[in-house]
Amino acid sequence: MPLRDKNEREAVAQVLRNKEESLRIDNSDGFHEIVDSMEERIGYVSACICMNCLDQFGLDLRKDSIECPHCKSDHVRTLLEMTNKRCPKCRSGYMDKL
């Protein structure tokens, strides 16, 4: 999920710039609020391909719905899963490692 505006980006950047001692656990409300906010915004995008329409896109597999944004199919694979598998487009070659 992208950050909503520049102020949110600045707030997250400021937290990341602070030294560890500035994030004391004794301020548990503020600390947990910051951690929750950061976890909500941090993700890992995987390169994916729709096996139906062959659209390529990125998804955070832990947070996003596993569905093609183009055709809404759930027949989605990561490019890593497709390594050494038959090419879904030409069906004669094989997918190489990224």
Protein backbone atom coordinates (compact mmCIF):
# COMPACT_ATOMS: atom_id res chain seq x y z
CA MET A 1 0.00 0.00 0.00
CA PRO A 2 1.60 3.31 -1.00
CA LEU A 3 1.94 6.10 1.52
CA ARG A 4 -0.89 8.59 1.27
CA ASP A 5 1.08 11.81 1.13
CA LYS A 6 4.47 13.46 1.62
CA ASN A 7 3.84 13.99 5.36
CA GLU A 8 3.49 10.24 5.92
CA ARG A 9 6.69 9.64 3.96
CA GLU A 10 8.51 12.20 6.07
CA ALA A 11 7.18 10.66 9.30
CA VAL A 12 8.35 7.18 8.30
CA ALA A 13 11.71 8.53 7.12
CA GLN A 14 12.17 10.38 10.42
CA VAL A 15 11.49 7.20 12.40
CA LEU A 16 14.01 5.30 10.32
CA ARG A 17 16.64 8.03 10.83
CA ASN A 18 16.30 8.04 14.62
CA LYS A 19 18.78 6.05 16.66
CA GLU A 20 17.61 2.99 18.59
CA GLU A 21 17.74 4.77 21.95
CA SER A 22 15.12 7.26 20.75
CA LEU A 23 12.60 4.42 20.38
CA ARG A 24 12.25 3.42 24.01
CA ILE A 25 9.85 0.66 24.91
CA ASP A 26 8.72 2.58 28.03
CA ASN A 27 6.74 4.76 25.60
CA SER A 28 4.84 1.64 24.58
CA ASP A 29 1.81 3.39 23.06
CA GLY A 30 3.89 5.51 20.70
CA PHE A 31 6.36 2.72 19.99
CA HIS A 32 3.70 0.17 19.06
CA GLU A 33 1.85 2.73 16.98
CA ILE A 34 5.01 3.43 14.97
CA VAL A 35 5.80 -0.28 14.55
CA ASP A 36 2.23 -1.04 13.46
CA SER A 37 2.30 1.83 10.97
CA MET A 38 5.60 0.65 9.48
CA GLU A 39 4.50 -3.00 9.25
CA GLU A 40 1.33 -1.88 7.49
CA ARG A 41 3.37 -0.11 4.80
CA ILE A 42 6.30 -2.49 4.35
CA GLY A 43 5.83 -5.21 1.77
CA TYR A 44 7.66 -7.44 -0.63
CA VAL A 45 6.60 -7.24 -4.24
CA SER A 46 6.95 -10.38 -6.32
CA ALA A 47 6.99 -10.33 -10.12
CA CYS A 48 3.91 -12.26 -11.28
CA ILE A 49 2.32 -13.38 -14.52
CA CYS A 50 -1.30 -14.22 -15.26
CA MET A 51 -1.50 -17.59 -16.98
CA ASN A 52 -4.75 -16.60 -18.73
CA CYS A 53 -4.02 -13.19 -20.26
CA LEU A 54 -0.17 -13.21 -19.83
CA ASP A 55 -0.23 -9.81 -18.11
CA GLN A 56 2.83 -9.17 -15.91
CA PHE A 57 2.51 -7.28 -12.63
CA GLY A 58 3.81 -7.08 -9.08
CA LEU A 59 2.01 -8.40 -5.99
CA ASP A 60 2.78 -8.56 -2.29
CA LEU A 61 1.86 -12.22 -1.86
CA ARG A 62 1.27 -11.83 1.88
CA LYS A 63 -1.07 -8.85 1.63
CA ASP A 64 -2.54 -8.58 -1.86
CA SER A 65 -5.33 -10.61 -3.34
CA ILE A 66 -3.76 -13.21 -5.66
CA GLU A 67 -5.64 -12.06 -8.72
CA CYS A 68 -4.71 -10.58 -12.08
CA PRO A 69 -5.47 -6.84 -12.07
CA HIS A 70 -6.19 -7.02 -15.82
CA CYS A 71 -8.57 -9.99 -16.23
CA LYS A 72 -9.31 -10.80 -12.54
CA SER A 73 -8.19 -14.43 -12.97
CA ASP A 74 -6.74 -16.25 -9.96
CA HIS A 75 -4.52 -18.35 -12.25
CA VAL A 76 -1.43 -16.34 -11.25
CA ARG A 77 2.16 -17.56 -10.87
CA THR A 78 5.30 -15.80 -9.74
CA LEU A 79 8.07 -15.58 -12.30
CA LEU A 80 10.22 -17.52 -9.82
CA GLU A 81 7.66 -20.37 -9.88
CA MET A 82 7.84 -20.33 -13.67
CA THR A 83 11.63 -20.85 -13.78
CA ASN A 84 12.45 -23.89 -15.94
CA LYS A 85 8.77 -24.29 -16.86
CA ARG A 86 7.34 -24.14 -20.37
CA CYS A 87 6.74 -20.59 -21.64
CA PRO A 88 3.01 -19.80 -21.30
CA LYS A 89 3.09 -17.66 -24.45
CA CYS A 90 4.93 -19.70 -27.08
CA ARG A 91 4.57 -23.06 -25.30
CA SER A 92 7.77 -24.30 -26.89
CA GLY A 93 10.57 -22.62 -24.93
CA TYR A 94 11.32 -22.57 -21.23
CA MET A 95 11.43 -19.70 -18.76
CA ASP A 96 14.94 -18.70 -17.63
CA LYS A 97 15.90 -17.50 -14.18
CA LEU A 98 15.42 -13.79 -13.60
